[in-house]
Amino acid sequence: MSETPQRTDPAAEQPEVEQRRAGVDADRIAALLGDLVIGREEHVNAPGFVIRPSDVQDALFRLRDEAGFDFLSCVTAQEYETHYESIYHLKKYADPTQEVSVVVPTDKENPVSQSAEPVYRTADWHEREAYDLVGIKYEGHPDLRRILLPETWQGHPLSLDYDQGRPQVVTLTEHKNPVEDMAPGPREGYGDPDADTMFINIGPHHPATHGVLHLEVTLDGEQVVNVNPDIGYLHRCEEQMAQQGTYRYQIIPYSNRWDYTANLPNEWAVARAIEDLTDIDVPEYADVLRTMSVELGRMLGHFLAVGTFALDVYGDFTAIFMYAIRDREKVQNILEDLTGQRMMFYYFRLGGVVWDVPEPREEFFEKVRGFLDDLPEALEEYHDLITGNEILQARTVDTGVLPPDVAKQYGCTGPVARASGIDYDLRRDDPYGYYDELDWDVAVEDGCDNFARLLVRLREVEESAKIIDQCVDLLEDWPEDERTIQSNVPRTLRPDDDKEIYRAVESAKGELGIYIRADGSPSPRRFKIRAACFNNLHSLGEMANGEYVPDLIAALGSLDIVLGSVDR
């Protein structure tokens, strides 16, 4: 019998890695913030610093400019019995294990806090969501209005006193001029009779919007002056449903509905957060199964992204789109053998996975290897027909440009960030599963345009194949009596009251993060989803302004958004 494959100690080979993963020096951060700090907290993932609502910008500017926290990953808002609270989850693109939570309590009767938007552009949408669902107002915000619910909605659904039985009236004014009486700022010039602009609606029910997305677009002739993505048409209260479910069984299944094109990473995001919150270990063998399955899931997303992108840009339905669906079907066949499902997999369980690879094992491994052996030729076809296509090159090279500093301001991650030269991937930079034991590379391009985002996804399919191939080798050689797929997990999990955590994984779209606050019960008191598509879509205006309408469609397609993930 062969020996069990053993993990190496990364710190033994690379001492700087252990130092990098040690986290931030909380006392140094406290000294930097000085008298802005009025309290300290300790979250599972990071130290928390409590500051006054009037000091938000001062604190965040110091952390960004003097401590290097250039990534606002997420903003979590919630209401307690005594106060409201906003948490700014800060990281570094150079090292996401360096994390800080900036906690801002606000008055119960007058929940007003200073906006972080002047420091991090991505705070715009996050604070609008916090206002919409929780009811916190952000002073100095450039456009504080609802983002997921209609403007006429009464109340804030995540506030403690919200009446769920209250009838809502959503008005529909017929024949109203859509640019009349619009506010200045992001919509400046819309209602100006002297402005030589035209306002058009794209979507929400249009193939080019990749779902129920409504784009409010202002044109000056043929050029885009402003784009305002109007989201919320697919808001399904996933966070609220997670808060009503139990940690043990009832949250992970819902995660498949967020990004339903590449949803296995969603399961890992939930599992990682809950496992770290409750100190659950995962057997190495299960980690290998998780890693293999998630990389197959990543391929599902990238094949669909590439196929629909070709369809968006030059209408290629008969060749590339169908080729992409063909290869996606092959992956779905493999995942159906592994999980029993073709779309809503629910393969992950806390502490491991639901079952091992199907019997006969050799037949399953042969099927996976057959797919991997055919993949290089298939990818060569993609390059011949897509990246080598003159029409696509003319439509995508130097269009939809997103410079790296702008991408960071919007909190972009995944292929969108890596195509702008940002070398950031949580699989490598904040390792989980079996990734740090395998040989693979992070795909990065510096073109910053629509074409670069296509190249990154095609390269990532190659890297996923390398990871899957190594996982198959490991699974084949693993001793039969040591194939543990789950650790022992209590039937009911009750994390300590007020224990908090933010954990993230690298999904096909980018960083997918989960914030959980426990209250000692079997269900989370607060469950917040940080969706990569939400941040990436926010950057669309930066990519499209000054370009033509067809370039706007190409830029939107290059983001590879899923509205189930944007709206949650």
Protein backbone atom coordinates (compact mmCIF):
# COMPACT_ATOMS: atom_id res chain seq x y z
CA MET A 1 0.00 0.00 0.00
CA SER A 2 1.33 3.41 -0.94
CA GLU A 3 2.04 6.00 1.70
CA THR A 4 -0.38 8.81 2.40
CA PRO A 5 0.62 11.95 0.48
CA GLN A 6 1.93 14.37 3.06
CA ARG A 7 1.61 18.12 3.05
CA THR A 8 4.83 20.03 3.23
CA ASP A 9 5.27 22.84 5.70
CA PRO A 10 5.27 26.02 3.60
CA ALA A 11 6.95 27.96 6.39
CA ALA A 12 9.85 25.49 6.47
CA GLU A 13 10.62 26.16 2.81
CA GLN A 14 9.64 29.83 2.75
CA PRO A 15 10.07 31.52 6.15
CA GLU A 16 8.69 34.78 4.81
CA VAL A 17 5.36 33.09 4.09
CA GLU A 18 4.72 32.37 7.76
CA GLN A 19 5.58 35.94 8.62
CA ARG A 20 3.26 37.22 5.88
CA ARG A 21 0.39 35.12 7.22
CA ALA A 22 0.88 36.29 10.79
CA GLY A 23 -1.68 39.05 10.32
CA VAL A 24 -1.43 42.72 11.16
CA ASP A 25 0.25 44.29 14.16
CA ALA A 26 -2.86 45.49 15.97
CA ASP A 27 -0.95 47.71 18.38
CA ARG A 28 0.83 49.43 15.49
CA ILE A 29 -2.50 50.08 13.78
CA ALA A 30 -3.94 51.42 17.04
CA ALA A 31 -0.97 53.78 17.38
CA LEU A 32 -1.46 54.95 13.79
CA LEU A 33 -5.13 55.71 14.40
CA GLY A 34 -4.38 57.34 17.75
CA ASP A 35 -7.28 59.06 19.45
CA LEU A 36 -9.61 58.15 16.59
CA VAL A 37 -9.94 54.75 18.28
CA ILE A 38 -12.59 54.62 20.99
CA GLY A 39 -12.64 50.84 21.43
CA ARG A 40 -11.07 47.56 20.36
CA GLU A 41 -12.64 44.30 19.17
CA GLU A 42 -11.18 40.97 18.12
CA HIS A 43 -12.86 39.31 15.19
CA VAL A 44 -11.81 35.79 14.18
CA ASN A 45 -10.17 37.05 11.00
CA ALA A 46 -8.87 40.47 12.04
CA PRO A 47 -8.55 43.04 14.83
CA GLY A 48 -11.41 45.52 14.98
CA PHE A 49 -11.07 49.21 15.77
CA VAL A 50 -14.12 51.15 16.90
CA ILE A 51 -14.25 54.76 15.75
CA ARG A 52 -16.74 57.62 15.89
CA PRO A 53 -19.17 58.15 12.99
CA SER A 54 -17.60 61.55 12.33
CA ASP A 55 -14.07 60.13 11.99
CA VAL A 56 -14.63 57.55 9.23
CA GLN A 57 -12.72 59.35 6.51
CA ASP A 58 -9.81 60.35 8.76
CA ALA A 59 -9.38 56.75 9.92
CA LEU A 60 -9.69 55.21 6.47
CA PHE A 61 -7.34 57.73 4.84
CA ARG A 62 -4.69 56.87 7.44
CA LEU A 63 -5.15 53.15 6.94
CA ARG A 64 -5.06 53.47 3.16
CA ASP A 65 -2.24 55.98 2.71
CA GLU A 66 0.00 55.21 5.70
CA ALA A 67 -0.64 51.50 6.36
CA GLY A 68 -1.26 50.29 2.80
CA PHE A 69 -4.84 49.02 3.15
CA ASP A 70 -5.78 49.75 -0.45
CA PHE A 71 -8.66 47.27 -0.71
CA LEU A 72 -12.11 47.87 0.80
CA SER A 73 -13.45 44.37 0.35
CA CYS A 74 -16.88 44.77 1.92
CA VAL A 75 -19.10 46.96 4.08
CA THR A 76 -21.39 45.16 6.53
CA ALA A 77 -24.25 47.05 8.16
CA GLN A 78 -26.44 45.76 10.99
CA GLU A 79 -28.72 46.87 13.77
CA TYR A 80 -28.34 45.94 17.44
CA GLU A 81 -30.82 46.55 20.24
CA THR A 82 -28.85 49.61 21.31
CA HIS A 83 -27.25 50.98 18.14
CA TYR A 84 -26.54 50.58 14.43
CA GLU A 85 -23.15 49.53 13.13
CA SER A 86 -21.13 49.64 9.90
CA ILE A 87 -18.04 47.46 9.49
CA TYR A 88 -15.47 48.33 6.82
CA HIS A 89 -13.52 45.16 5.96
CA LEU A 90 -10.09 46.34 4.80
CA LYS A 91 -7.36 44.28 3.14
CA LYS A 92 -4.24 44.75 1.05
CA TYR A 93 -4.06 43.68 -2.58
CA ALA A 94 -0.42 42.77 -1.98
CA ASP A 95 -1.33 40.51 0.95
CA PRO A 96 -5.00 39.78 1.76
CA THR A 97 -4.03 38.07 5.02
CA GLN A 98 -3.38 41.59 6.30
CA GLU A 99 -6.89 42.51 7.44
CA VAL A 100 -8.45 45.19 9.61
CA SER A 101 -12.08 45.76 10.59
CA VAL A 102 -13.11 49.37 11.13
CA VAL A 103 -16.26 49.33 13.26
CA VAL A 104 -18.49 52.41 13.26
CA PRO A 105 -21.41 52.43 15.75
CA THR A 106 -24.14 55.00 15.17
CA ASP A 107 -26.96 56.39 17.26
CA LYS A 108 -30.15 54.31 17.49
CA GLU A 109 -32.46 57.29 16.97
CA ASN A 110 -30.39 59.02 14.31
CA PRO A 111 -28.22 56.49 12.48
CA VAL A 112 -25.92 58.81 10.54
CA SER A 113 -22.30 58.04 9.72
CA GLN A 114 -19.70 59.73 7.56
CA SER A 115 -19.40 58.23 4.07
CA ALA A 116 -16.24 56.35 3.09
CA GLU A 117 -16.78 57.06 -0.61
CA PRO A 118 -14.12 59.80 -0.85
CA VAL A 119 -11.57 57.24 0.35
CA TYR A 120 -12.73 54.11 -1.48
CA ARG A 121 -14.96 54.53 -4.53
CA THR A 122 -16.44 51.08 -3.96
CA ALA A 123 -18.08 52.35 -0.75
CA ASP A 124 -20.64 54.11 -2.97
CA TRP A 125 -22.66 50.97 -3.76
CA HIS A 126 -21.96 49.23 -0.46
CA GLU A 127 -23.25 52.19 1.57
CA ARG A 128 -26.29 52.52 -0.67
CA GLU A 129 -27.09 48.87 0.08
CA ALA A 130 -26.59 49.47 3.80
CA TYR A 131 -28.96 52.43 3.64
CA ASP A 132 -31.49 50.50 1.56
CA LEU A 133 -31.67 47.34 3.68
CA VAL A 134 -30.62 48.47 7.19
CA GLY A 135 -31.41 52.18 7.29
CA ILE A 136 -28.04 53.80 8.07
CA LYS A 137 -27.51 57.18 6.39
CA TYR A 138 -24.05 58.17 5.17
CA GLU A 139 -23.28 61.85 5.35
CA GLY A 140 -21.40 63.16 2.32
CA HIS A 141 -22.38 60.24 0.10
CA PRO A 142 -22.63 61.42 -3.54
CA ASP A 143 -25.87 59.60 -4.39
CA LEU A 144 -27.53 58.07 -1.32
CA ARG A 145 -30.66 56.34 -2.59
CA ARG A 146 -31.95 52.80 -2.65
CA ILE A 147 -30.06 50.34 -4.81
CA LEU A 148 -31.89 46.98 -4.58
CA LEU A 149 -35.44 48.02 -3.72
CA PRO A 150 -37.73 50.50 -5.50
CA GLU A 151 -37.43 54.14 -4.46
CA THR A 152 -41.00 54.04 -3.12
CA TRP A 153 -40.30 51.16 -0.71
CA GLN A 154 -41.33 51.83 2.86
CA GLY A 155 -38.96 50.78 5.64
CA HIS A 156 -35.67 48.90 5.69
CA PRO A 157 -35.99 45.09 5.55
CA LEU A 158 -33.01 44.29 7.80
CA SER A 159 -33.97 46.69 10.59
CA LEU A 160 -35.25 45.10 13.77
CA ASP A 161 -38.65 46.81 13.71
CA TYR A 162 -39.41 46.10 10.05
CA ASP A 163 -43.00 45.01 9.47
CA GLN A 164 -42.86 42.22 6.91
CA GLY A 165 -46.63 42.24 6.57
CA ARG A 166 -46.83 45.87 5.59
CA PRO A 167 -48.26 46.32 2.08
CA GLN A 168 -46.00 48.07 -0.38
CA VAL A 169 -47.06 50.31 -3.25
CA VAL A 170 -44.60 50.50 -6.12
CA THR A 171 -45.71 53.27 -8.46
CA LEU A 172 -45.57 53.07 -12.24
CA THR A 173 -45.98 56.47 -13.89
CA GLU A 174 -46.97 56.13 -17.51
CA HIS A 175 -45.39 58.28 -20.19
CA LYS A 176 -43.12 60.10 -17.72
CA ASN A 177 -40.03 61.70 -19.18
CA PRO A 178 -37.19 59.61 -17.67
CA VAL A 179 -34.76 62.56 -17.62
CA GLU A 180 -37.12 65.09 -16.07
CA ASP A 181 -36.12 66.56 -12.71
CA MET A 182 -33.18 64.20 -12.25
CA ALA A 183 -30.67 65.13 -9.59
CA PRO A 184 -27.22 66.48 -10.46
CA GLY A 185 -24.04 64.54 -9.81
CA PRO A 186 -23.86 61.15 -11.53
CA ARG A 187 -26.85 62.17 -13.70
CA GLU A 188 -25.72 65.72 -14.47
CA GLY A 189 -27.04 67.01 -17.76
CA TYR A 190 -29.93 64.56 -18.01
CA GLY A 191 -32.65 67.18 -17.66
CA ASP A 192 -30.74 70.09 -19.21
CA PRO A 193 -32.66 71.31 -22.31
CA ASP A 194 -29.46 72.87 -23.67
CA ALA A 195 -27.41 69.69 -23.35
CA ASP A 196 -26.83 67.86 -26.61
CA THR A 197 -27.35 64.43 -25.07
CA MET A 198 -29.79 61.56 -25.39
CA PHE A 199 -30.98 59.20 -22.67
CA ILE A 200 -31.62 55.54 -23.54
CA ASN A 201 -32.55 52.43 -21.58
CA ILE A 202 -30.75 49.15 -22.20
CA GLY A 203 -32.54 46.22 -20.59
CA PRO A 204 -33.62 44.98 -18.14
CA HIS A 205 -34.86 42.21 -20.44
CA HIS A 206 -32.21 42.05 -23.13
CA PRO A 207 -29.70 39.30 -24.00
CA ALA A 208 -26.77 41.71 -23.89
CA THR A 209 -27.41 42.51 -20.22
CA HIS A 210 -26.80 38.88 -19.16
CA GLY A 211 -29.92 38.87 -17.02
CA VAL A 212 -32.32 41.39 -15.55
CA LEU A 213 -29.96 44.35 -15.54
CA HIS A 214 -31.18 47.83 -16.52
CA LEU A 215 -28.60 50.28 -17.85
CA GLU A 216 -29.50 53.96 -17.84
CA VAL A 217 -27.21 55.37 -20.51
CA THR A 218 -26.58 58.97 -21.52
CA LEU A 219 -25.19 59.49 -25.01
CA ASP A 220 -23.52 62.46 -26.62
CA GLY A 221 -24.01 61.55 -30.24
CA GLU A 222 -22.72 57.98 -30.44
CA GLN A 223 -20.47 58.23 -27.39
CA VAL A 224 -21.35 57.15 -23.87
CA VAL A 225 -21.33 60.03 -21.40
CA ASN A 226 -22.65 58.19 -18.36
CA VAL A 227 -23.78 54.69 -17.41
CA ASN A 228 -25.88 54.00 -14.34
CA PRO A 229 -26.45 50.27 -13.72
CA ASP A 230 -29.89 49.80 -12.15
CA ILE A 231 -29.90 46.52 -10.23
CA GLY A 232 -32.24 44.77 -7.79
CA TYR A 233 -34.60 43.05 -10.22
CA LEU A 234 -33.39 39.65 -8.98
CA HIS A 235 -33.10 40.42 -5.29
CA ARG A 236 -34.11 37.21 -3.50
CA CYS A 237 -33.21 37.88 0.14
CA GLU A 238 -30.46 35.26 0.25
CA GLU A 239 -28.88 36.87 3.32
CA GLN A 240 -32.19 36.82 5.17
CA MET A 241 -32.75 33.17 4.24
CA ALA A 242 -29.27 32.28 5.52
CA GLN A 243 -30.07 34.03 8.80
CA GLN A 244 -33.16 31.86 9.16
CA GLY A 245 -31.29 28.63 8.42
CA THR A 246 -29.04 26.57 10.66
CA TYR A 247 -25.27 26.47 10.30
CA ARG A 248 -25.17 22.70 10.09
CA TYR A 249 -27.38 21.95 7.11
CA GLN A 250 -29.52 24.79 5.83
CA ILE A 251 -27.20 27.52 4.50
CA ILE A 252 -24.80 25.87 2.04
CA PRO A 253 -27.58 24.66 -0.33
CA TYR A 254 -28.81 28.23 -0.88
CA SER A 255 -25.34 29.38 -1.98
CA ASN A 256 -25.68 27.58 -5.31
CA ARG A 257 -28.30 30.16 -6.30
CA TRP A 258 -25.98 33.19 -6.10
CA ASP A 259 -23.61 32.68 -9.02
CA TYR A 260 -25.43 29.77 -10.60
CA THR A 261 -23.01 29.48 -13.56
CA ALA A 262 -20.00 28.47 -11.45
CA ASN A 263 -21.48 27.75 -8.06
CA LEU A 264 -19.25 25.23 -6.29
CA PRO A 265 -16.94 28.01 -5.00
CA ASN A 266 -20.04 29.51 -3.34
CA GLU A 267 -20.37 26.37 -1.22
CA TRP A 268 -16.73 26.66 -0.17
CA ALA A 269 -17.15 30.31 0.84
CA VAL A 270 -19.93 29.40 3.28
CA ALA A 271 -18.14 26.30 4.52
CA ARG A 272 -14.87 28.13 5.11
CA ALA A 273 -16.51 30.89 7.12
CA ILE A 274 -18.53 28.52 9.31
CA GLU A 275 -15.65 26.05 9.78
CA ASP A 276 -13.28 28.80 10.91
CA LEU A 277 -15.98 30.30 13.12
CA THR A 278 -16.62 26.98 14.87
CA ASP A 279 -13.10 25.45 14.73
CA ILE A 280 -14.00 22.56 12.44
CA ASP A 281 -11.10 20.76 10.76
CA VAL A 282 -11.27 19.31 7.25
CA PRO A 283 -9.44 16.04 6.40
CA GLU A 284 -6.73 16.37 3.76
CA TYR A 285 -8.43 13.87 1.49
CA ALA A 286 -11.62 15.94 1.57
CA ASP A 287 -9.58 19.06 0.81
CA VAL A 288 -8.30 17.40 -2.37
CA LEU A 289 -11.87 16.48 -3.39
CA ARG A 290 -12.99 20.04 -2.68
CA THR A 291 -10.14 21.52 -4.71
CA MET A 292 -10.79 19.26 -7.70
CA SER A 293 -14.54 19.87 -7.71
CA VAL A 294 -14.23 23.64 -7.37
CA GLU A 295 -11.77 23.88 -10.26
CA LEU A 296 -14.21 21.93 -12.40
CA GLY A 297 -16.82 24.46 -11.29
CA ARG A 298 -14.51 27.32 -12.25
CA MET A 299 -14.31 25.85 -15.76
CA LEU A 300 -18.12 25.85 -15.93
CA GLY A 301 -18.13 29.59 -15.39
CA HIS A 302 -15.27 30.42 -17.73
CA PHE A 303 -16.60 28.35 -20.63
CA LEU A 304 -19.92 30.15 -20.41
CA ALA A 305 -18.19 33.53 -20.05
CA VAL A 306 -16.07 32.98 -23.16
CA GLY A 307 -18.98 31.69 -25.24
CA THR A 308 -21.37 34.49 -24.34
CA PHE A 309 -18.63 37.09 -24.79
CA ALA A 310 -18.10 35.99 -28.41
CA LEU A 311 -21.86 36.15 -28.88
CA ASP A 312 -21.95 39.69 -27.44
CA VAL A 313 -19.07 41.03 -29.49
CA TYR A 314 -19.53 39.60 -32.96
CA GLY A 315 -22.62 37.44 -32.81
CA ASP A 316 -20.87 34.08 -33.02
CA PHE A 317 -23.59 31.67 -31.97
CA THR A 318 -22.99 28.70 -34.27
CA ALA A 319 -19.30 28.16 -33.56
CA ILE A 320 -17.80 29.55 -30.36
CA PHE A 321 -20.96 29.70 -28.27
CA MET A 322 -21.85 26.11 -29.10
CA TYR A 323 -18.23 24.96 -28.64
CA ALA A 324 -18.26 26.54 -25.19
CA ILE A 325 -21.56 24.87 -24.31
CA ARG A 326 -20.17 21.56 -25.62
CA ASP A 327 -17.15 21.75 -23.29
CA ARG A 328 -19.29 23.00 -20.41
CA GLU A 329 -21.53 19.95 -20.88
CA LYS A 330 -18.50 17.68 -20.57
CA VAL A 331 -17.64 19.26 -17.23
CA GLN A 332 -21.26 19.01 -16.10
CA ASN A 333 -21.22 15.30 -16.94
CA ILE A 334 -18.17 14.82 -14.70
CA LEU A 335 -19.70 16.84 -11.87
CA GLU A 336 -22.96 14.93 -12.22
CA ASP A 337 -21.01 11.70 -11.70
CA LEU A 338 -19.31 13.22 -8.66
CA THR A 339 -22.17 15.09 -7.00
CA GLY A 340 -25.38 13.64 -8.47
CA GLN A 341 -26.42 17.07 -9.78
CA ARG A 342 -25.80 19.13 -12.89
CA MET A 343 -26.37 22.62 -11.50
CA MET A 344 -27.33 22.93 -7.82
CA PHE A 345 -24.63 20.61 -6.57
CA TYR A 346 -24.63 20.79 -2.75
CA TYR A 347 -21.48 18.65 -2.65
CA PHE A 348 -19.85 20.40 0.31
CA ARG A 349 -20.64 19.57 3.91
CA LEU A 350 -19.18 21.22 6.98
CA GLY A 351 -15.98 19.34 7.70
CA GLY A 352 -15.66 17.85 4.23
CA VAL A 353 -17.79 16.63 1.35
CA VAL A 354 -20.86 14.43 1.10
CA TRP A 355 -19.17 11.45 -0.59
CA ASP A 356 -16.09 10.17 -2.35
CA VAL A 357 -15.63 9.81 -6.10
CA PRO A 358 -18.04 7.30 -7.68
CA GLU A 359 -17.27 3.63 -8.16
CA PRO A 360 -15.59 2.26 -10.14
CA ARG A 361 -12.97 4.88 -9.30
CA GLU A 362 -10.79 4.01 -12.27
CA GLU A 363 -13.64 4.71 -14.67
CA PHE A 364 -14.27 8.14 -13.15
CA PHE A 365 -10.58 9.07 -13.23
CA GLU A 366 -10.32 7.89 -16.83
CA LYS A 367 -13.28 10.11 -17.75
CA VAL A 368 -11.67 13.14 -16.12
CA ARG A 369 -8.32 12.47 -17.76
CA GLY A 370 -9.97 11.99 -21.13
CA PHE A 371 -11.52 15.42 -20.83
CA LEU A 372 -8.20 16.96 -19.76
CA ASP A 373 -6.36 15.28 -22.63
CA ASP A 374 -8.77 16.79 -25.17
CA LEU A 375 -8.70 20.25 -23.58
CA PRO A 376 -5.49 21.66 -25.18
CA GLU A 377 -6.87 21.07 -28.68
CA ALA A 378 -10.18 22.64 -27.69
CA LEU A 379 -8.43 25.70 -26.25
CA GLU A 380 -6.41 26.01 -29.45
CA GLU A 381 -9.72 26.18 -31.31
CA TYR A 382 -10.87 28.96 -29.00
CA HIS A 383 -7.74 30.96 -29.70
CA ASP A 384 -8.02 30.40 -33.45
CA LEU A 385 -11.67 31.43 -33.57
CA ILE A 386 -11.82 34.08 -30.84
CA THR A 387 -8.53 35.69 -29.86
CA GLY A 388 -7.29 35.39 -33.45
CA ASN A 389 -10.47 36.87 -34.90
CA GLU A 390 -9.86 40.30 -36.43
CA ILE A 391 -13.38 41.50 -35.71
CA LEU A 392 -13.11 40.60 -32.03
CA GLN A 393 -9.68 42.18 -31.78
CA ALA A 394 -10.98 45.42 -33.31
CA ARG A 395 -13.87 45.44 -30.85
CA THR A 396 -11.95 44.53 -27.69
CA VAL A 397 -8.32 45.71 -27.88
CA ASP A 398 -8.02 49.10 -26.17
CA THR A 399 -11.74 49.22 -25.37
CA GLY A 400 -13.24 48.93 -21.91
CA VAL A 401 -9.98 50.08 -20.37
CA LEU A 402 -9.79 49.74 -16.58
CA PRO A 403 -6.44 50.97 -15.14
CA PRO A 404 -5.19 49.09 -12.07
CA ASP A 405 -5.52 52.05 -9.70
CA VAL A 406 -9.15 52.51 -10.75
CA ALA A 407 -9.84 48.77 -10.43
CA LYS A 408 -8.52 48.88 -6.87
CA GLN A 409 -10.69 51.88 -6.02
CA TYR A 410 -13.76 49.86 -7.03
CA GLY A 411 -12.62 46.74 -5.18
CA CYS A 412 -12.41 44.68 -8.37
CA THR A 413 -11.15 41.12 -8.06
CA GLY A 414 -10.89 37.92 -10.10
CA PRO A 415 -10.23 38.01 -13.86
CA VAL A 416 -11.36 41.66 -14.01
CA ALA A 417 -8.58 42.73 -11.63
CA ARG A 418 -5.96 40.30 -12.95
CA ALA A 419 -6.56 41.55 -16.51
CA SER A 420 -5.60 45.01 -15.20
CA GLY A 421 -2.26 43.70 -13.98
CA ILE A 422 -3.32 43.19 -10.34
CA ASP A 423 -1.62 39.98 -9.21
CA TYR A 424 -4.24 38.95 -6.64
CA ASP A 425 -5.68 35.47 -6.16
CA LEU A 426 -6.90 34.17 -2.79
CA ARG A 427 -6.08 30.57 -3.73
CA ARG A 428 -2.42 31.55 -3.55
CA ASP A 429 -2.42 34.67 -1.37
CA ASP A 430 -4.72 33.41 1.41
CA PRO A 431 -4.40 29.66 0.86
CA TYR A 432 -7.17 27.22 1.72
CA GLY A 433 -7.96 23.68 0.65
CA TYR A 434 -5.05 21.99 -1.11
CA TYR A 435 -4.00 24.87 -3.36
CA ASP A 436 -0.72 25.63 -1.62
CA GLU A 437 0.43 22.03 -2.19
CA LEU A 438 -0.09 22.08 -5.95
CA ASP A 439 1.86 23.44 -8.91
CA TRP A 440 -0.08 26.12 -10.76
CA ASP A 441 0.20 29.77 -11.74
CA VAL A 442 -1.96 32.87 -11.37
CA ALA A 443 -3.01 34.20 -14.78
CA VAL A 444 -2.29 37.94 -15.03
CA GLU A 445 -2.44 40.26 -18.04
CA ASP A 446 -1.59 43.96 -18.18
CA GLY A 447 -3.74 44.99 -21.15
CA CYS A 448 -6.46 46.42 -18.84
CA ASP A 449 -9.00 46.05 -21.67
CA ASN A 450 -11.80 43.76 -22.83
CA PHE A 451 -9.33 41.56 -24.71
CA ALA A 452 -7.15 41.06 -21.63
CA ARG A 453 -10.12 39.88 -19.59
CA LEU A 454 -10.85 37.25 -22.25
CA LEU A 455 -7.22 36.09 -22.23
CA VAL A 456 -7.18 35.73 -18.44
CA ARG A 457 -10.22 33.44 -18.45
CA LEU A 458 -8.78 31.22 -21.20
CA ARG A 459 -5.49 30.97 -19.30
CA GLU A 460 -7.31 30.17 -16.08
CA VAL A 461 -9.00 27.20 -17.77
CA GLU A 462 -5.49 25.85 -18.46
CA GLU A 463 -4.45 26.39 -14.85
CA SER A 464 -7.61 24.72 -13.56
CA ALA A 465 -6.77 21.72 -15.73
CA LYS A 466 -3.31 21.52 -14.15
CA ILE A 467 -4.84 21.60 -10.67
CA ILE A 468 -7.46 18.95 -11.50
CA ASP A 469 -4.84 16.65 -13.02
CA GLN A 470 -2.73 16.80 -9.85
CA CYS A 471 -5.78 16.19 -7.67
CA VAL A 472 -6.66 13.08 -9.68
CA ASP A 473 -3.13 11.74 -9.14
CA LEU A 474 -3.43 12.34 -5.40
CA LEU A 475 -6.86 10.71 -5.14
CA GLU A 476 -5.72 7.66 -7.08
CA ASP A 477 -2.72 7.08 -4.81
CA TRP A 478 -4.44 7.77 -1.50
CA PRO A 479 -4.57 4.66 0.72
CA GLU A 480 -8.05 3.19 0.85
CA ASP A 481 -8.27 3.08 4.64
CA GLU A 482 -7.34 6.77 4.94
CA ARG A 483 -9.89 8.28 2.57
CA THR A 484 -11.71 10.35 5.18
CA ILE A 485 -14.28 12.60 3.54
CA GLN A 486 -15.69 14.32 6.65
CA SER A 487 -14.54 15.19 10.13
CA ASN A 488 -16.78 14.74 13.15
CA VAL A 489 -19.11 17.72 13.34
CA PRO A 490 -21.70 18.28 16.10
CA ARG A 491 -25.28 17.94 14.97
CA THR A 492 -26.02 21.44 16.28
CA LEU A 493 -23.51 24.30 16.11
CA ARG A 494 -23.83 27.23 18.50
CA PRO A 495 -20.92 29.66 18.12
CA ASP A 496 -20.36 32.05 21.01
CA ASP A 497 -22.51 35.16 21.20
CA ASP A 498 -21.08 38.12 19.25
CA LYS A 499 -18.31 36.03 17.67
CA GLU A 500 -17.62 37.56 14.25
CA ILE A 501 -15.75 36.47 11.13
CA TYR A 502 -15.17 37.49 7.52
CA ARG A 503 -13.78 34.80 5.22
CA ALA A 504 -13.44 34.70 1.44
CA VAL A 505 -12.57 32.33 -1.39
CA GLU A 506 -11.61 32.85 -5.03
CA SER A 507 -14.69 32.22 -7.14
CA ALA A 508 -14.74 32.28 -10.95
CA LYS A 509 -15.77 35.95 -10.75
CA GLY A 510 -13.39 37.02 -7.97
CA GLU A 511 -13.46 37.35 -4.20
CA LEU A 512 -16.57 35.83 -2.66
CA GLY A 513 -16.68 36.75 1.01
CA ILE A 514 -18.97 35.84 3.90
CA TYR A 515 -19.40 37.82 7.12
CA ILE A 516 -21.10 36.07 10.03
CA ARG A 517 -22.00 37.34 13.48
CA ALA A 518 -23.14 34.65 15.88
CA ASP A 519 -25.52 35.06 18.80
CA GLY A 520 -25.16 31.70 20.53
CA SER A 521 -28.03 30.13 18.58
CA PRO A 522 -27.89 27.53 15.76
CA SER A 523 -28.41 30.30 13.16
CA PRO A 524 -26.40 33.43 12.31
CA ARG A 525 -27.57 36.74 13.72
CA ARG A 526 -26.09 38.48 10.69
CA PHE A 527 -25.04 36.87 7.42
CA LYS A 528 -23.54 39.13 4.76
CA ILE A 529 -22.52 38.08 1.24
CA ARG A 530 -19.71 39.97 -0.49
CA ALA A 531 -20.27 39.15 -4.16
CA ALA A 532 -17.48 39.77 -6.67
CA CYS A 533 -20.01 40.62 -9.39
CA PHE A 534 -21.40 43.48 -7.28
CA ASN A 535 -18.05 45.29 -7.12
CA ASN A 536 -17.02 44.44 -10.67
CA LEU A 537 -20.27 45.75 -12.15
CA HIS A 538 -19.85 49.01 -10.24
CA SER A 539 -16.76 49.72 -12.39
CA LEU A 540 -18.70 49.57 -15.68
CA GLY A 541 -19.04 53.35 -15.99
CA GLU A 542 -15.28 53.79 -15.70
CA MET A 543 -14.78 51.31 -18.54
CA ALA A 544 -17.51 52.60 -20.85
CA ASN A 545 -17.54 56.39 -20.51
CA GLY A 546 -16.26 58.05 -23.68
CA GLU A 547 -16.72 54.90 -25.76
CA TYR A 548 -19.43 53.79 -28.17
CA VAL A 549 -22.56 51.77 -27.40
CA PRO A 550 -21.13 48.54 -28.92
CA ASP A 551 -18.05 49.02 -26.73
CA LEU A 552 -20.34 49.35 -23.70
CA ILE A 553 -21.90 45.97 -24.54
CA ALA A 554 -18.44 44.43 -24.94
CA ALA A 555 -17.31 45.89 -21.61
CA LEU A 556 -20.37 44.54 -19.83
CA GLY A 557 -19.82 41.10 -21.36
CA SER A 558 -16.15 41.15 -20.30
CA LEU A 559 -17.20 41.55 -16.65
CA ASP A 560 -18.99 38.17 -16.72
CA ILE A 561 -21.60 39.17 -14.16
CA VAL A 562 -24.44 37.00 -12.88
CA LEU A 563 -27.39 38.96 -11.53
CA GLY A 564 -28.15 36.31 -8.92
CA SER A 565 -24.74 37.18 -7.48
CA VAL A 566 -25.08 40.96 -7.89
CA ASP A 567 -28.50 41.18 -6.25
CA ARG A 568 -28.33 38.16 -3.95
